[in-house]
Amino acid sequence: MKLTTERLILREWGKKDIKDLIENINDKNISQWVTAIPYPYKLKDAKWWADNCNKNKRKKPRENYDFAIELRNEKKVVGGIGFLEVKDGKGEIGCWLGKKYWRKNIMSESVVALINFGFNKLKLRKIVWKSFVINKASNALAKKFGFKLEGVLREDCKSIATGKIHDGNIYGLLKKEWKNKKNEPPILS
């Protein structure tokens, strides 16, 4: 399964992506903001991730959709995005991007594709976005796409990379709210 946009291909992870994965995710500036990414990120971590994604895509019903973010013109994986859990008409977004690709609208383009996939293909009624309260970039991205702050979960998130515990913001976006926006759906292939 893959989603395509003007500059990107969001596709299933594979063993061929291990080198790009380690190159882009093995950065404390990334892992400190995500609960489940260790630092340093080693070959064994990347192999586990590729195997886990392969197992998850075969589950019925499917609960996780993990996509590698590939730049079409470079044929290089630069980040990841997906639904951490799809259950009862809801899906929770998780995402990260290699530092040298920040501020190029790559994540924005990926988020639009994933939201459209969630609402149009998976028929979700709600998409959830969680981020550490202190992660200004993640919180700003959620707000940019119309996610509404639904609450703060006190001492809810622990970063594996740093061991620090953070308060977490939880945002929600309903399908009817997204439908009011004029967003072009990605090409599904």
Protein backbone atom coordinates (compact mmCIF):
# COMPACT_ATOMS: atom_id res chain seq x y z
CA MET A 1 0.00 0.00 0.00
CA LYS A 2 1.24 3.48 -0.76
CA LEU A 3 0.05 7.06 -0.83
CA THR A 4 1.56 9.49 -3.30
CA THR A 5 1.70 13.27 -3.23
CA GLU A 6 3.41 15.82 -5.43
CA ARG A 7 6.85 15.22 -3.86
CA LEU A 8 6.43 12.14 -1.70
CA ILE A 9 5.63 8.47 -1.60
CA LEU A 10 4.29 7.17 1.71
CA ARG A 11 4.76 3.42 1.59
CA GLU A 12 5.18 0.36 3.77
CA TRP A 13 8.57 -0.03 5.49
CA GLY A 14 10.95 -2.74 4.32
CA LYS A 15 14.41 -4.09 5.09
CA LYS A 16 15.77 -2.00 2.20
CA ASP A 17 14.98 1.12 4.28
CA ILE A 18 17.17 0.21 7.26
CA LYS A 19 20.15 2.35 6.19
CA ASP A 20 18.01 5.46 5.56
CA LEU A 21 16.07 4.83 8.78
CA ILE A 22 19.20 4.75 10.95
CA GLU A 23 20.72 7.72 9.14
CA ASN A 24 17.69 9.93 9.79
CA ILE A 25 16.34 8.77 13.13
CA ASN A 26 19.59 8.36 15.05
CA ASP A 27 19.48 11.94 16.34
CA LYS A 28 18.61 12.96 19.88
CA ASN A 29 16.90 16.08 18.47
CA ILE A 30 14.30 13.66 17.06
CA SER A 31 14.14 10.85 19.60
CA GLN A 32 13.73 13.16 22.60
CA TRP A 33 10.26 14.13 21.33
CA VAL A 34 8.95 10.61 20.73
CA THR A 35 8.08 8.10 23.44
CA ALA A 36 9.20 4.92 21.65
CA ILE A 37 12.40 5.84 19.77
CA PRO A 38 15.61 4.92 21.60
CA TYR A 39 18.83 6.89 21.37
CA PRO A 40 21.25 5.89 20.08
CA TYR A 41 19.23 4.11 17.41
CA LYS A 42 21.11 0.96 16.42
CA LEU A 43 20.95 -1.62 13.65
CA LYS A 44 19.06 -4.03 15.93
CA ASP A 45 16.41 -1.32 16.52
CA ALA A 46 15.96 -0.77 12.78
CA LYS A 47 15.71 -4.50 12.07
CA TRP A 48 13.13 -4.88 14.83
CA TRP A 49 11.12 -1.95 13.37
CA ALA A 50 11.12 -3.41 9.83
CA ASP A 51 10.05 -6.84 11.15
CA ASN A 52 7.36 -5.33 13.40
CA CYS A 53 5.90 -3.29 10.53
CA ASN A 54 5.82 -6.40 8.37
CA LYS A 55 3.92 -8.31 11.08
CA ASN A 56 1.49 -5.44 11.68
CA LYS A 57 0.49 -5.12 8.04
CA ARG A 58 -0.66 -8.76 7.99
CA LYS A 59 -2.95 -8.49 11.04
CA LYS A 60 -6.69 -8.73 10.47
CA PRO A 61 -8.21 -6.37 11.36
CA ARG A 62 -5.27 -4.12 10.84
CA GLU A 63 -4.49 -1.84 13.78
CA ASN A 64 -1.33 -0.05 12.63
CA TYR A 65 -0.43 1.70 9.38
CA ASP A 66 3.25 2.62 9.34
CA PHE A 67 4.57 4.46 6.30
CA ALA A 68 8.09 5.42 5.32
CA ILE A 69 8.22 8.94 3.90
CA GLU A 70 10.19 8.75 0.67
CA LEU A 71 11.27 11.73 -1.41
CA ARG A 72 10.24 10.85 -4.96
CA ASN A 73 13.10 12.70 -6.65
CA GLU A 74 15.79 11.19 -4.39
CA LYS A 75 14.24 7.75 -3.78
CA LYS A 76 15.35 8.17 -0.17
CA VAL A 77 13.43 7.60 3.06
CA VAL A 78 13.57 10.73 5.22
CA GLY A 79 11.00 10.03 7.94
CA GLY A 80 8.00 8.08 9.08
CA ILE A 81 4.31 8.63 9.63
CA GLY A 82 1.35 6.46 10.38
CA PHE A 83 -1.54 5.51 12.57
CA LEU A 84 -0.26 3.96 15.79
CA GLU A 85 -3.62 2.46 16.54
CA VAL A 86 -6.78 2.18 14.49
CA LYS A 87 -9.71 1.05 16.57
CA ASP A 88 -13.39 1.87 16.97
CA GLY A 89 -13.36 4.50 14.21
CA LYS A 90 -10.35 6.36 15.63
CA GLY A 91 -6.69 6.51 14.67
CA GLU A 92 -3.73 8.12 16.41
CA ILE A 93 -1.07 9.80 14.28
CA GLY A 94 2.61 9.29 15.00
CA CYS A 95 5.35 10.93 12.93
CA TRP A 96 8.99 11.96 12.78
CA LEU A 97 11.30 13.51 10.18
CA GLY A 98 15.07 13.56 9.71
CA LYS A 99 16.50 16.87 10.90
CA LYS A 100 17.99 17.95 7.57
CA TYR A 101 14.48 17.76 6.07
CA TRP A 102 12.80 20.03 8.65
CA ARG A 103 11.13 23.25 7.48
CA LYS A 104 10.56 22.05 3.91
CA ASN A 105 6.84 21.26 4.30
CA ILE A 106 7.56 17.54 3.96
CA MET A 107 5.76 16.68 7.18
CA SER A 108 2.83 18.95 6.30
CA GLU A 109 2.44 17.20 2.95
CA SER A 110 2.65 13.81 4.70
CA VAL A 111 0.07 14.76 7.34
CA VAL A 112 -2.48 15.88 4.72
CA ALA A 113 -2.02 12.58 2.86
CA LEU A 114 -2.42 10.53 6.03
CA ILE A 115 -5.47 12.45 7.25
CA ASN A 116 -7.16 12.02 3.87
CA PHE A 117 -6.28 8.31 3.90
CA GLY A 118 -7.70 7.94 7.40
CA PHE A 119 -10.98 9.68 6.73
CA ASN A 120 -11.55 8.57 3.12
CA LYS A 121 -10.10 5.06 2.93
CA LEU A 122 -10.22 3.83 6.54
CA LYS A 123 -13.52 5.65 7.21
CA LEU A 124 -12.31 7.01 10.54
CA ARG A 125 -14.57 9.45 12.37
CA LYS A 126 -11.76 10.91 14.49
CA ILE A 127 -8.00 11.28 14.34
CA VAL A 128 -5.98 11.83 17.51
CA TRP A 129 -2.66 13.66 17.81
CA LYS A 130 -0.55 13.50 20.97
CA SER A 131 2.55 15.55 21.66
CA PHE A 132 4.67 16.60 24.59
CA VAL A 133 3.47 19.95 25.91
CA ILE A 134 6.98 21.39 25.43
CA ASN A 135 7.26 20.26 21.78
CA LYS A 136 6.32 23.54 20.10
CA ALA A 137 6.74 22.25 16.53
CA SER A 138 4.47 19.24 16.99
CA ASN A 139 1.79 21.29 18.76
CA ALA A 140 1.91 23.93 16.01
CA LEU A 141 1.54 21.27 13.32
CA ALA A 142 -1.53 19.81 15.01
CA LYS A 143 -3.15 23.24 15.21
CA LYS A 144 -2.22 24.04 11.59
CA PHE A 145 -4.47 21.21 10.40
CA GLY A 146 -7.39 22.04 12.64
CA PHE A 147 -6.83 19.62 15.49
CA LYS A 148 -8.53 20.84 18.66
CA LEU A 149 -6.79 20.61 22.03
CA GLU A 150 -8.91 18.26 24.13
CA GLY A 151 -6.78 18.16 27.24
CA VAL A 152 -3.44 17.85 28.93
CA LEU A 153 -2.39 14.48 30.29
CA ARG A 154 -0.18 15.19 33.29
CA GLU A 155 3.10 13.24 33.50
CA ASP A 156 1.79 10.97 30.75
CA CYS A 157 4.68 10.59 28.31
CA LYS A 158 8.13 9.14 28.91
CA SER A 159 10.86 9.61 26.34
CA ILE A 160 12.89 6.39 26.05
CA ALA A 161 15.77 8.43 24.62
CA THR A 162 16.09 10.78 27.59
CA GLY A 163 14.21 9.02 30.37
CA LYS A 164 12.31 12.26 31.06
CA ILE A 165 8.61 12.29 31.82
CA HIS A 166 6.49 14.99 30.17
CA ASP A 167 2.97 16.30 30.26
CA GLY A 168 1.21 15.47 27.00
CA ASN A 169 -1.27 17.42 24.91
CA ILE A 170 -4.03 15.42 23.28
CA TYR A 171 -5.72 16.81 20.19
CA GLY A 172 -8.65 15.54 18.16
CA LEU A 173 -9.85 16.13 14.61
CA LEU A 174 -13.30 14.98 13.53
CA LYS A 175 -14.08 13.97 9.97
CA LYS A 176 -16.80 16.62 9.69
CA GLU A 177 -14.24 19.29 10.67
CA TRP A 178 -11.78 18.10 8.04
CA LYS A 179 -14.43 17.90 5.32
CA ASN A 180 -14.94 21.63 5.71
CA LYS A 181 -11.36 22.22 4.63
CA LYS A 182 -10.50 22.21 0.92
CA ASN A 183 -7.74 19.58 0.88
CA GLU A 184 -6.88 17.59 -2.20
CA PRO A 185 -6.72 13.87 -1.51
CA PRO A 186 -3.54 11.99 -2.35
CA ILE A 187 -3.45 9.58 -5.25
CA LEU A 188 -3.93 6.05 -3.86
CA SER A 189 -2.11 3.34 -5.72
